[in-house]
N, C-alpha and C. Protein backbone atom coordinates (compact mmCIF):
# COMPACT_ATOMS: atom_id res chain seq x y z
N UNK A 1 -19.72 -3.23 16.04
CA UNK A 1 -20.05 -4.62 16.04
C UNK A 1 -19.57 -4.75 14.55
N UNK A 2 -18.95 -5.87 14.32
CA UNK A 2 -18.68 -6.16 13.42
C UNK A 2 -19.65 -6.53 12.34
N UNK A 3 -19.72 -6.47 10.94
CA UNK A 3 -20.31 -6.62 10.14
C UNK A 3 -19.99 -8.36 9.60
N UNK A 4 -21.34 -8.90 9.43
CA UNK A 4 -20.96 -10.25 9.09
C UNK A 4 -21.17 -10.48 7.38
N UNK A 5 -20.16 -11.13 6.67
CA UNK A 5 -20.33 -11.30 5.21
C UNK A 5 -20.44 -12.78 4.93
N UNK A 6 -21.04 -12.99 3.80
CA UNK A 6 -21.53 -14.31 3.27
C UNK A 6 -21.02 -14.19 1.88
N UNK A 7 -20.18 -14.80 1.47
CA UNK A 7 -19.74 -14.70 0.04
C UNK A 7 -19.20 -16.14 -0.36
N UNK A 8 -19.67 -16.32 -1.43
CA UNK A 8 -19.58 -17.89 -1.98
C UNK A 8 -18.87 -18.09 -2.94
N UNK A 9 -17.12 -18.42 -2.72
CA UNK A 9 -16.41 -18.29 -4.09
C UNK A 9 -16.46 -20.03 -5.03
N UNK A 10 -16.09 -19.48 -5.86
CA UNK A 10 -16.03 -20.19 -7.06
C UNK A 10 -14.35 -20.52 -7.30
N UNK A 11 -13.77 -21.48 -6.55
CA UNK A 11 -12.41 -21.59 -6.71
C UNK A 11 -12.11 -22.67 -8.04
N UNK A 12 -11.23 -22.55 -8.75
CA UNK A 12 -11.15 -23.50 -9.51
C UNK A 12 -10.02 -24.87 -8.45
N UNK A 13 -10.09 -25.68 -9.30
CA UNK A 13 -9.48 -27.30 -8.25
C UNK A 13 -7.82 -26.63 -7.87
N UNK A 14 -7.41 -25.79 -8.69
CA UNK A 14 -5.93 -25.32 -7.94
C UNK A 14 -6.23 -24.18 -6.91
N UNK A 15 -6.90 -23.59 -7.13
CA UNK A 15 -6.98 -22.47 -6.23
C UNK A 15 -7.77 -22.94 -4.93
N UNK A 16 -8.76 -23.99 -5.14
CA UNK A 16 -9.27 -24.96 -3.58
C UNK A 16 -8.01 -25.38 -3.12
N UNK A 17 -7.23 -26.33 -3.77
CA UNK A 17 -6.22 -27.16 -2.79
C UNK A 17 -5.57 -25.58 -2.23
N UNK A 18 -4.65 -25.16 -3.17
CA UNK A 18 -3.99 -24.05 -2.07
C UNK A 18 -4.85 -23.49 -0.88
N UNK A 19 -6.27 -23.05 -1.23
CA UNK A 19 -6.73 -22.64 -0.08
C UNK A 19 -6.83 -23.86 0.92
N UNK A 20 -7.40 -24.77 0.60
CA UNK A 20 -7.26 -25.97 1.79
C UNK A 20 -6.02 -26.15 2.95
N UNK A 21 -5.07 -25.58 2.21
CA UNK A 21 -3.41 -25.78 2.83
C UNK A 21 -2.98 -24.28 3.43
N UNK A 22 -3.80 -23.48 3.21
CA UNK A 22 -3.93 -21.98 3.56
C UNK A 22 -4.15 -21.92 5.35
N UNK A 23 -3.46 -20.71 5.91
CA UNK A 23 -3.22 -20.46 7.41
C UNK A 23 -3.88 -19.25 7.63
N UNK A 24 -4.89 -19.00 8.21
CA UNK A 24 -5.21 -17.53 8.50
C UNK A 24 -4.55 -16.60 8.87
N UNK A 25 -4.36 -15.44 8.45
CA UNK A 25 -3.40 -14.41 9.15
C UNK A 25 -3.99 -13.22 9.23
N UNK A 26 -4.88 -12.67 8.68
CA UNK A 26 -5.78 -11.29 9.09
C UNK A 26 -7.11 -10.95 8.63
N UNK A 27 -7.59 -10.21 9.10
CA UNK A 27 -8.68 -9.60 8.40
C UNK A 27 -9.08 -8.20 8.69
N UNK A 28 -9.28 -7.35 7.40
CA UNK A 28 -9.78 -6.14 7.37
C UNK A 28 -10.97 -5.65 7.19
N UNK A 29 -11.03 -4.42 6.50
CA UNK A 29 -12.20 -3.82 6.14
C UNK A 29 -12.87 -3.99 4.93
N UNK A 30 -11.77 -4.82 3.90
CA UNK A 30 -12.04 -5.38 2.96
C UNK A 30 -12.27 -7.08 2.36
N UNK A 31 -12.00 -7.41 3.87
CA UNK A 31 -11.56 -9.10 3.48
C UNK A 31 -10.85 -9.66 4.45
N UNK A 32 -10.79 -10.98 4.13
CA UNK A 32 -9.83 -11.99 4.96
C UNK A 32 -8.42 -12.56 3.87
N UNK A 33 -7.37 -12.64 5.08
CA UNK A 33 -6.04 -13.02 4.33
C UNK A 33 -5.22 -14.44 5.08
N UNK A 34 -5.28 -15.29 3.86
CA UNK A 34 -4.60 -16.44 4.07
C UNK A 34 -3.08 -16.72 3.58
N UNK A 35 -2.28 -17.02 4.76
CA UNK A 35 -1.04 -17.47 4.09
C UNK A 35 -1.04 -19.00 3.01
N UNK A 36 -0.67 -18.77 1.83
CA UNK A 36 -0.63 -20.13 1.08
C UNK A 36 1.10 -20.87 0.97
N UNK A 37 0.81 -21.94 0.42
CA UNK A 37 2.50 -22.22 0.25
C UNK A 37 3.07 -21.81 -0.83
N UNK A 38 4.14 -21.76 -0.68
CA UNK A 38 5.17 -20.84 -1.53
C UNK A 38 5.34 -19.08 -1.43
N UNK A 39 5.25 -18.86 -0.29
CA UNK A 39 5.15 -17.70 0.31
C UNK A 39 3.92 -16.62 -0.48
N UNK A 40 3.04 -16.87 -0.94
CA UNK A 40 1.91 -16.32 -1.50
C UNK A 40 0.76 -16.01 0.02
N UNK A 41 0.06 -15.41 -0.96
CA UNK A 41 -1.40 -15.30 0.46
C UNK A 41 -2.22 -15.23 -0.64
N UNK A 42 -3.85 -15.40 -0.47
CA UNK A 42 -4.75 -15.33 -0.73
C UNK A 42 -5.56 -14.16 -0.13
N UNK A 43 -6.23 -13.42 -0.86
CA UNK A 43 -6.88 -12.04 -0.03
C UNK A 43 -8.66 -12.41 -0.46
N UNK A 44 -9.25 -12.53 0.08
CA UNK A 44 -10.78 -12.92 -0.20
C UNK A 44 -11.72 -11.59 0.35
N UNK A 45 -12.03 -10.97 -0.56
CA UNK A 45 -12.49 -9.91 -0.83
C UNK A 45 -14.01 -10.08 -0.50
N UNK A 46 -14.86 -8.98 0.65
CA UNK A 46 -16.15 -9.04 0.73
C UNK A 46 -16.98 -8.21 -0.70
N UNK A 47 -16.52 -7.31 -0.92
CA UNK A 47 -17.06 -6.81 -2.11
C UNK A 47 -16.06 -7.00 -3.88
N UNK A 48 -16.79 -7.50 -4.65
CA UNK A 48 -16.57 -8.07 -5.73
C UNK A 48 -15.70 -6.20 -6.25
N UNK A 49 -16.28 -5.30 -6.58
CA UNK A 49 -15.75 -4.04 -6.89
C UNK A 49 -14.30 -3.63 -6.67
N UNK A 50 -14.05 -3.65 -5.31
CA UNK A 50 -12.94 -3.35 -4.64
C UNK A 50 -12.02 -4.74 -4.99
N UNK A 51 -12.39 -5.79 -5.37
CA UNK A 51 -11.50 -7.00 -5.35
C UNK A 51 -10.66 -6.58 -7.00
N UNK A 52 -12.07 -6.29 -7.89
CA UNK A 52 -11.19 -6.11 -9.42
C UNK A 52 -10.47 -4.73 -9.26
N UNK A 53 -10.61 -3.66 -8.24
CA UNK A 53 -10.28 -2.52 -8.90
C UNK A 53 -8.60 -3.01 -8.00
N UNK A 54 -8.59 -3.79 -6.98
CA UNK A 54 -7.01 -4.14 -6.48
C UNK A 54 -6.40 -4.99 -7.79
N UNK A 55 -7.32 -6.18 -8.08
CA UNK A 55 -6.86 -6.87 -9.41
C UNK A 55 -6.50 -5.75 -10.41
N UNK A 56 -6.80 -4.94 -10.92
CA UNK A 56 -6.23 -4.22 -12.16
C UNK A 56 -4.94 -3.28 -11.63
N UNK A 57 -5.05 -2.57 -9.97
CA UNK A 57 -3.63 -1.96 -10.40
C UNK A 57 -2.65 -2.52 -9.93
N UNK A 58 -3.03 -4.24 -9.39
CA UNK A 58 -1.58 -4.78 -9.55
C UNK A 58 -1.23 -5.52 -10.63
N UNK A 59 -2.43 -5.38 -11.87
CA UNK A 59 -1.69 -5.69 -13.38
C UNK A 59 -1.09 -4.58 -13.75
N UNK A 60 -1.36 -3.55 -13.54
CA UNK A 60 -0.63 -2.64 -14.09
C UNK A 60 0.62 -1.91 -13.71
N UNK A 61 0.94 -2.35 -12.58
CA UNK A 61 2.01 -2.76 -11.64
C UNK A 61 2.78 -3.12 -11.54
N UNK A 62 2.51 -4.35 -12.85
CA UNK A 62 3.13 -5.65 -12.93
C UNK A 62 4.84 -5.07 -13.22
N UNK A 63 6.01 -5.88 -12.68
CA UNK A 63 7.50 -5.41 -13.14
C UNK A 63 7.56 -4.40 -11.75
N UNK A 64 6.59 -3.87 -11.40
CA UNK A 64 7.22 -2.38 -10.20
C UNK A 64 7.80 -3.40 -9.29
N UNK A 65 8.71 -2.80 -8.44
CA UNK A 65 9.48 -3.45 -7.68
C UNK A 65 8.65 -3.15 -6.03
N UNK A 66 7.76 -2.07 -6.53
CA UNK A 66 7.26 -1.69 -5.17
C UNK A 66 5.86 -2.58 -4.76
N UNK A 67 5.48 -3.42 -6.10
CA UNK A 67 4.06 -4.23 -5.59
C UNK A 67 4.28 -5.94 -5.54
N UNK A 68 3.42 -6.34 -4.98
CA UNK A 68 3.55 -7.99 -5.09
C UNK A 68 3.00 -8.45 -6.45
N UNK A 69 3.64 -9.37 -6.56
CA UNK A 69 3.36 -10.14 -7.94
C UNK A 69 2.46 -10.93 -7.71
N UNK A 70 1.07 -10.27 -8.52
CA UNK A 70 -0.03 -10.99 -8.88
C UNK A 70 0.09 -12.58 -9.62
N UNK A 71 -0.58 -13.75 -9.05
CA UNK A 71 -0.22 -14.80 -10.04
C UNK A 71 -1.64 -15.41 -9.99
N UNK A 72 -2.80 -14.82 -9.77
CA UNK A 72 -4.36 -15.10 -10.10
C UNK A 72 -5.02 -14.47 -9.11
N UNK A 73 -6.42 -14.13 -10.09
CA UNK A 73 -7.33 -13.26 -9.37
C UNK A 73 -8.77 -14.06 -10.20
N UNK A 74 -9.89 -13.96 -8.95
CA UNK A 74 -10.75 -14.08 -9.58
C UNK A 74 -12.36 -12.88 -8.77
N UNK A 75 -13.30 -13.16 -9.04
CA UNK A 75 -14.51 -11.94 -8.81
C UNK A 75 -13.97 -11.43 -7.38
N UNK A 76 -13.90 -12.25 -6.44
CA UNK A 76 -13.38 -12.08 -5.34
C UNK A 76 -12.09 -12.64 -4.36
N UNK A 77 -11.16 -13.22 -4.96
CA UNK A 77 -10.19 -12.77 -4.76
C UNK A 77 -8.92 -12.93 -5.34
N UNK A 78 -8.18 -12.63 -4.76
CA UNK A 78 -6.16 -12.15 -5.37
C UNK A 78 -5.32 -13.07 -4.95
N UNK A 79 -4.52 -14.04 -5.55
CA UNK A 79 -3.41 -14.51 -4.91
C UNK A 79 -2.15 -13.52 -5.62
N UNK A 80 -1.42 -13.33 -4.47
CA UNK A 80 -0.33 -12.69 -4.97
C UNK A 80 0.82 -13.21 -3.79
N UNK A 81 1.96 -12.62 -4.31
CA UNK A 81 3.34 -12.98 -3.41
C UNK A 81 3.12 -11.82 -2.03
N UNK A 82 3.73 -12.87 -0.94
CA UNK A 82 3.64 -12.49 0.38
C UNK A 82 4.61 -11.52 0.52
N UNK A 83 4.17 -10.61 1.59
CA UNK A 83 5.06 -9.12 1.42
C UNK A 83 5.17 -8.87 3.19
N UNK A 84 6.78 -9.51 3.13
CA UNK A 84 7.45 -9.84 4.22
C UNK A 84 7.60 -8.57 4.92
N UNK A 85 7.94 -7.92 6.54
CA UNK A 85 8.20 -6.97 6.87
C UNK A 85 7.31 -6.53 7.81
N UNK A 86 7.81 -5.08 8.51
CA UNK A 86 7.53 -4.50 9.74
C UNK A 86 6.53 -3.33 8.74
N UNK A 87 5.28 -2.95 9.07
CA UNK A 87 4.37 -1.50 8.47
C UNK A 87 5.44 -0.39 8.66
N UNK A 88 5.53 0.29 7.43
CA UNK A 88 6.21 1.53 7.78
C UNK A 88 6.04 2.30 9.06
N UNK A 89 4.93 2.88 9.86
CA UNK A 89 4.83 3.56 10.96
C UNK A 89 5.29 3.18 12.12
N UNK A 90 5.52 2.08 12.12
CA UNK A 90 5.98 1.13 13.28
C UNK A 90 7.60 1.16 12.98
N UNK A 91 7.68 0.35 11.75
CA UNK A 91 9.29 1.03 11.60
C UNK A 91 10.30 2.05 11.79
N UNK A 92 9.12 2.93 11.96
CA UNK A 92 9.80 4.47 12.07
C UNK A 92 9.51 4.70 13.52
N UNK A 93 8.72 4.03 14.10
CA UNK A 93 8.79 4.20 15.66
C UNK A 93 10.00 3.48 16.33
N UNK A 94 10.38 2.45 15.38
CA UNK A 94 11.31 1.59 15.95
C UNK A 94 13.06 1.82 15.69
N UNK A 95 12.88 2.30 14.74
CA UNK A 95 14.13 2.53 13.94
C UNK A 95 14.46 3.78 13.80
N UNK A 96 13.20 4.89 13.37
CA UNK A 96 13.10 6.31 12.98
C UNK A 96 13.63 6.31 11.28
N UNK A 97 13.10 7.32 11.09
CA UNK A 97 13.01 7.82 9.56
C UNK A 97 14.71 8.08 9.03
N UNK A 98 15.08 7.28 7.87
CA UNK A 98 16.52 7.43 7.53
C UNK A 98 16.09 8.36 6.10
N UNK A 99 17.04 8.25 5.66
CA UNK A 99 17.32 9.07 4.54
C UNK A 99 17.06 8.44 3.67
N UNK A 100 17.26 6.99 3.55
CA UNK A 100 16.99 5.85 2.53
C UNK A 100 15.47 5.62 2.24
N UNK A 101 14.81 5.61 3.30
CA UNK A 101 13.55 5.49 3.71
C UNK A 101 12.85 6.65 2.80
N UNK A 102 13.51 7.60 3.37
CA UNK A 102 12.49 9.07 2.70
C UNK A 102 12.95 9.23 1.31
N UNK A 103 13.90 8.52 0.43
CA UNK A 103 14.49 8.74 -1.21
C UNK A 103 13.54 7.47 -1.57
N UNK A 104 13.19 6.61 -0.78
CA UNK A 104 12.23 5.47 -1.67
C UNK A 104 10.82 5.65 -1.14
N UNK A 105 10.80 6.52 -0.44
CA UNK A 105 8.98 7.05 -0.02
C UNK A 105 8.78 8.09 -1.46
N UNK A 106 9.73 9.08 -1.82
CA UNK A 106 9.79 10.33 -2.81
C UNK A 106 9.65 9.33 -4.38
N UNK A 107 10.76 8.20 -4.15
CA UNK A 107 10.55 7.49 -5.44
C UNK A 107 9.42 6.56 -5.72
N UNK A 108 8.60 5.75 -4.64
CA UNK A 108 7.31 5.52 -4.70
C UNK A 108 6.41 6.69 -5.42
N UNK A 109 6.32 7.77 -5.13
CA UNK A 109 5.57 8.75 -5.95
C UNK A 109 5.68 8.34 -6.72
N UNK A 110 6.65 9.26 -7.13
CA UNK A 110 7.35 9.26 -8.47
C UNK A 110 6.92 7.64 -9.57
N UNK A 111 6.92 6.97 -8.99
CA UNK A 111 6.96 5.55 -9.71
C UNK A 111 5.46 5.59 -9.98
N UNK A 112 4.54 6.03 -8.85
CA UNK A 112 2.86 6.10 -9.26
C UNK A 112 2.20 7.01 -10.31
N UNK A 113 3.35 7.95 -10.19
CA UNK A 113 3.36 8.88 -11.65
C UNK A 113 3.52 8.21 -13.18
N UNK A 114 4.58 7.54 -12.84
CA UNK A 114 4.69 6.50 -14.32
C UNK A 114 3.87 5.64 -14.19
N UNK A 115 3.65 5.02 -13.90
CA UNK A 115 2.19 4.04 -13.72
C UNK A 115 0.51 4.85 -14.15
N UNK A 116 0.57 6.25 -14.00
CA UNK A 116 -0.60 7.27 -14.52
C UNK A 116 -1.41 6.80 -13.33
N UNK A 117 -0.75 6.80 -12.14
CA UNK A 117 -2.03 7.08 -11.00
C UNK A 117 -2.69 8.16 -11.21
N UNK A 118 -3.84 8.49 -10.45
CA UNK A 118 -4.86 9.32 -10.51
C UNK A 118 -3.88 9.73 -8.85
N UNK A 119 -4.30 9.21 -8.29
CA UNK A 119 -4.07 8.93 -6.56
C UNK A 119 -2.87 8.88 -6.03
N UNK A 120 -1.90 10.21 -6.21
CA UNK A 120 -0.28 10.00 -5.85
C UNK A 120 0.10 10.18 -4.51
N UNK A 121 -0.70 8.89 -3.53
CA UNK A 121 -0.67 8.62 -2.17
C UNK A 121 -1.11 7.57 -1.94
N UNK A 122 -0.77 7.12 -0.63
CA UNK A 122 -0.88 5.98 0.05
C UNK A 122 -0.80 6.34 2.00
N UNK A 123 -1.10 5.31 2.14
CA UNK A 123 -1.34 5.47 3.77
C UNK A 123 0.33 4.51 4.43
N UNK A 124 0.82 4.97 5.49
CA UNK A 124 1.76 4.12 6.00
C UNK A 124 1.55 2.84 5.98
N UNK A 125 0.37 2.72 7.18
CA UNK A 125 -0.32 1.17 6.89
C UNK A 125 -0.39 0.09 5.63
N UNK A 126 -0.13 0.53 4.82
CA UNK A 126 -0.08 -0.16 3.16
C UNK A 126 1.44 -0.41 2.78
N UNK A 127 2.43 0.32 3.69
CA UNK A 127 3.51 0.28 3.47
C UNK A 127 4.26 -0.69 4.06
N UNK A 128 5.39 -1.50 3.46
CA UNK A 128 6.26 -2.27 4.59
C UNK A 128 7.49 -2.11 4.12
N UNK A 129 8.29 -2.46 5.40
CA UNK A 129 9.53 -2.09 5.04
C UNK A 129 10.40 -3.87 5.22
N UNK A 130 10.93 -4.75 4.28
CA UNK A 130 11.65 -5.70 4.66
C UNK A 130 12.92 -5.66 4.80
N UNK A 131 13.35 -6.80 5.61
CA UNK A 131 14.44 -6.99 6.53
C UNK A 131 16.15 -6.32 5.60
N UNK A 132 15.63 -5.96 4.32
CA UNK A 132 17.08 -5.42 3.43
C UNK A 132 16.50 -3.69 3.58
N UNK A 133 15.80 -3.54 4.20
CA UNK A 133 15.48 -2.02 3.97
C UNK A 133 14.62 -1.42 2.92
N UNK A 134 14.17 -2.35 1.94
CA UNK A 134 13.31 -1.85 0.97
C UNK A 134 12.00 -1.73 1.39
N UNK A 135 11.08 -0.89 0.71
CA UNK A 135 9.56 -0.59 0.77
C UNK A 135 8.71 -1.45 -0.21
N UNK A 136 7.79 -2.01 0.17
CA UNK A 136 6.97 -2.56 -0.72
C UNK A 136 5.06 -2.37 -0.65
N UNK A 137 4.59 -1.95 -1.68
CA UNK A 137 3.01 -1.78 -0.78
C UNK A 137 2.45 -2.85 -0.85
N UNK A 138 1.34 -3.08 -0.15
CA UNK A 138 0.15 -4.29 0.15
C UNK A 138 -1.05 -3.95 -0.35
N UNK A 139 -1.63 -2.95 0.14
CA UNK A 139 -2.89 -2.48 -0.49
C UNK A 139 -3.47 -1.43 -1.14
N UNK A 140 -3.21 -1.63 -2.54
CA UNK A 140 -3.41 -0.41 -3.35
C UNK A 140 -4.92 -0.49 -3.66
N UNK A 141 -4.91 0.91 -3.20
CA UNK A 141 -6.47 1.33 -3.36
C UNK A 141 -6.89 2.59 -3.93
N UNK A 142 -7.99 2.34 -4.90
CA UNK A 142 -8.19 3.32 -5.82
C UNK A 142 -7.39 4.35 -6.07
N UNK A 143 -6.27 3.46 -6.83
CA UNK A 143 -5.02 4.55 -7.36
C UNK A 143 -5.52 4.86 -8.76
N UNK A 144 -6.47 4.41 -9.47
CA UNK A 144 -7.27 4.62 -10.62
C UNK A 144 -8.30 5.29 -10.40
N UNK A 145 -9.03 5.93 -9.42
CA UNK A 145 -10.08 6.54 -9.15
C UNK A 145 -10.35 7.56 -8.45
N UNK A 146 -9.49 7.87 -7.57
CA UNK A 146 -9.59 9.12 -6.38
C UNK A 146 -8.21 9.72 -7.08
N UNK A 147 -8.56 11.22 -7.30
CA UNK A 147 -7.51 11.94 -7.63
C UNK A 147 -6.68 12.62 -6.21
N UNK A 148 -5.57 12.67 -6.50
CA UNK A 148 -4.43 13.33 -5.07
C UNK A 148 -3.42 13.82 -5.81
N UNK A 149 -3.08 14.58 -5.59
CA UNK A 149 -1.65 15.32 -6.48
C UNK A 149 -0.61 15.05 -5.19
N UNK A 150 -0.50 14.92 -4.21
CA UNK A 150 0.63 15.18 -3.44
C UNK A 150 0.05 14.05 -2.44
N UNK A 151 1.27 13.12 -1.38
CA UNK A 151 0.72 12.29 -0.59
C UNK A 151 0.40 12.47 0.72
N UNK A 152 -0.94 13.15 0.96
CA UNK A 152 -1.10 13.55 1.89
C UNK A 152 -1.52 12.47 3.23
N UNK A 153 -1.79 11.06 2.78
CA UNK A 153 -2.07 10.37 3.88
C UNK A 153 -0.83 10.24 4.17
N UNK A 154 0.06 9.71 3.36
CA UNK A 154 1.54 9.58 3.97
C UNK A 154 1.99 10.57 4.81
N UNK A 155 1.73 11.75 4.51
CA UNK A 155 2.45 13.00 5.21
C UNK A 155 1.43 13.01 6.68
N UNK A 156 0.58 12.86 6.26
CA UNK A 156 -0.45 12.65 7.62
C UNK A 156 0.07 11.43 8.69
N UNK A 157 0.61 10.55 8.32
CA UNK A 157 1.09 9.34 8.92
C UNK A 157 2.54 9.80 9.62
N UNK A 158 2.92 10.25 8.74
CA UNK A 158 4.68 10.36 9.30
C UNK A 158 4.56 11.55 10.02
N UNK A 159 3.42 12.23 10.47
CA UNK A 159 3.05 13.45 11.35
C UNK A 159 3.01 12.42 12.50
N UNK A 160 2.07 11.90 12.47
CA UNK A 160 1.67 10.83 13.22
C UNK A 160 2.57 10.13 14.07
N UNK A 161 4.04 10.04 13.71
CA UNK A 161 4.77 9.30 14.15
C UNK A 161 6.63 10.28 14.54
N UNK A 162 5.82 11.65 14.20
CA UNK A 162 6.77 12.50 14.33
C UNK A 162 7.93 12.56 13.55
N UNK A 163 7.49 12.28 12.25
CA UNK A 163 8.76 12.06 11.15
C UNK A 163 8.51 12.90 9.85
N UNK A 164 7.34 13.75 9.94
CA UNK A 164 6.84 14.55 8.77
C UNK A 164 8.03 15.55 8.35
N UNK A 165 8.83 16.25 9.92
CA UNK A 165 9.80 17.62 9.12
C UNK A 165 10.75 16.56 8.76
N UNK A 166 11.50 15.64 9.03
CA UNK A 166 12.72 15.03 8.85
C UNK A 166 12.17 14.63 7.07
N UNK A 167 11.38 14.08 7.13
CA UNK A 167 11.00 13.91 5.84
C UNK A 167 10.73 14.85 4.98
N UNK A 168 10.58 15.82 4.98
CA UNK A 168 10.62 16.96 4.26
C UNK A 168 12.06 17.57 4.40
N UNK A 169 12.84 17.50 5.36
CA UNK A 169 14.24 17.78 5.41
C UNK A 169 14.81 17.16 4.44
N UNK A 170 14.41 15.89 4.45
CA UNK A 170 15.38 14.81 3.55
C UNK A 170 15.31 14.67 2.12
N UNK A 171 13.76 15.14 1.96
CA UNK A 171 13.48 15.33 0.34
C UNK A 171 14.11 16.66 -0.14
N UNK A 172 13.83 17.71 0.90
CA UNK A 172 14.77 19.12 0.12
C UNK A 172 16.15 18.73 -0.14
N UNK A 173 16.84 17.80 0.07
CA UNK A 173 18.57 17.53 -0.16
C UNK A 173 18.28 17.13 -1.34
N UNK A 174 17.22 16.17 -2.25
CA UNK A 174 17.38 16.01 -3.24
C UNK A 174 16.14 16.61 -4.70
N UNK A 175 15.62 17.26 -3.96
CA UNK A 175 14.25 17.92 -4.95
C UNK A 175 13.60 18.88 -4.19
N UNK A 176 14.38 19.98 -4.14
CA UNK A 176 13.64 21.10 -3.11
C UNK A 176 12.39 21.85 -3.68
N UNK A 177 12.27 22.10 -4.85
CA UNK A 177 11.10 22.03 -5.65
C UNK A 177 9.87 21.19 -4.86
N UNK A 178 10.11 19.78 -4.87
CA UNK A 178 8.76 18.85 -4.64
C UNK A 178 8.56 19.26 -2.72
N UNK A 179 9.76 19.29 -2.21
CA UNK A 179 9.70 19.24 -1.03
C UNK A 179 8.62 20.63 -0.39
N UNK A 180 9.20 21.78 -1.55
CA UNK A 180 8.61 22.99 -1.04
C UNK A 180 6.90 23.00 -1.40
N UNK A 181 6.75 22.34 -2.17
CA UNK A 181 5.43 22.15 -2.74
C UNK A 181 4.51 21.20 -1.58
N UNK A 182 5.40 20.41 -1.35
CA UNK A 182 4.28 18.89 -0.43
C UNK A 182 4.47 19.64 0.87
N UNK A 183 5.57 20.77 1.29
CA UNK A 183 5.22 21.35 2.78
C UNK A 183 3.82 22.35 2.68
N UNK A 184 3.94 23.19 1.66
CA UNK A 184 2.79 23.95 1.66
C UNK A 184 1.69 23.07 1.36
N UNK A 185 1.60 22.17 0.61
CA UNK A 185 0.23 21.32 0.78
C UNK A 185 -0.27 21.12 2.08
N UNK A 186 0.48 20.51 2.65
CA UNK A 186 0.36 19.64 3.87
C UNK A 186 -0.08 20.79 5.17
N UNK A 187 0.93 22.07 4.76
CA UNK A 187 0.54 22.97 5.98
C UNK A 187 -0.85 23.13 5.83
N UNK A 188 -1.37 23.78 4.48
CA UNK A 188 -2.82 24.11 4.01
C UNK A 188 -3.42 23.80 4.62
N UNK A 189 -3.43 21.98 4.67
CA UNK A 189 -4.01 21.01 4.70
C UNK A 189 -4.64 20.94 6.74
N UNK A 190 -3.54 20.85 7.36
CA UNK A 190 -3.20 21.00 8.89
C UNK A 190 -3.87 22.08 9.29
N UNK A 191 -3.66 23.40 8.52
CA UNK A 191 -3.91 24.75 9.10
C UNK A 191 -5.79 24.84 9.07
N UNK A 192 -5.75 24.99 7.42
CA UNK A 192 -7.07 25.29 6.85
C UNK A 192 -8.30 23.83 6.31
N UNK A 193 -7.29 22.70 6.56
CA UNK A 193 -8.38 21.68 5.83
C UNK A 193 -8.45 21.67 4.32
N UNK A 194 -7.45 22.18 3.75
CA UNK A 194 -7.72 22.54 2.38
C UNK A 194 -7.09 21.16 1.70
N UNK A 195 -7.71 20.29 0.89
CA UNK A 195 -7.36 18.76 0.69
C UNK A 195 -6.54 19.35 -0.89
């Protein structure tokens, strides 16, 4: 059964006007998303802490090509650039995992390190591939709170679409050491549930 949430939002006049022009897009575990004019979205969160953590991450990632540009936020909402495209797992099912996408995923994890994330991981469903073949992150979660030294959720998702082996083979072509470490860790996770 769905939980019901009652959130009182204190929009300023500008946000109120944008919201009135908004079009419902989707609802998830953390809130509701509306499309706004100018290729932007507003995410309305049920939980203030989750909203502020995501806003913090987007502020830290400002200027990164992988993250949407945030233009405004409040206690329960974020206004940011709309990310177009298809979810990574669905993209792989349709097109397959290319070497270019593998390289971009590897570079994304390097970007997480550059941004000093403590969680070097992301789920496939939080990555979109645009019409030019570039990847973008849509829902950065707990990147400065949780700890993960390798992309476990990402690799679990790739395994789910039968692309993990290809991913690791592609990574091996330009970084043998990382491919070896990630393979060892994900094998331990699958076989022994060692996180």
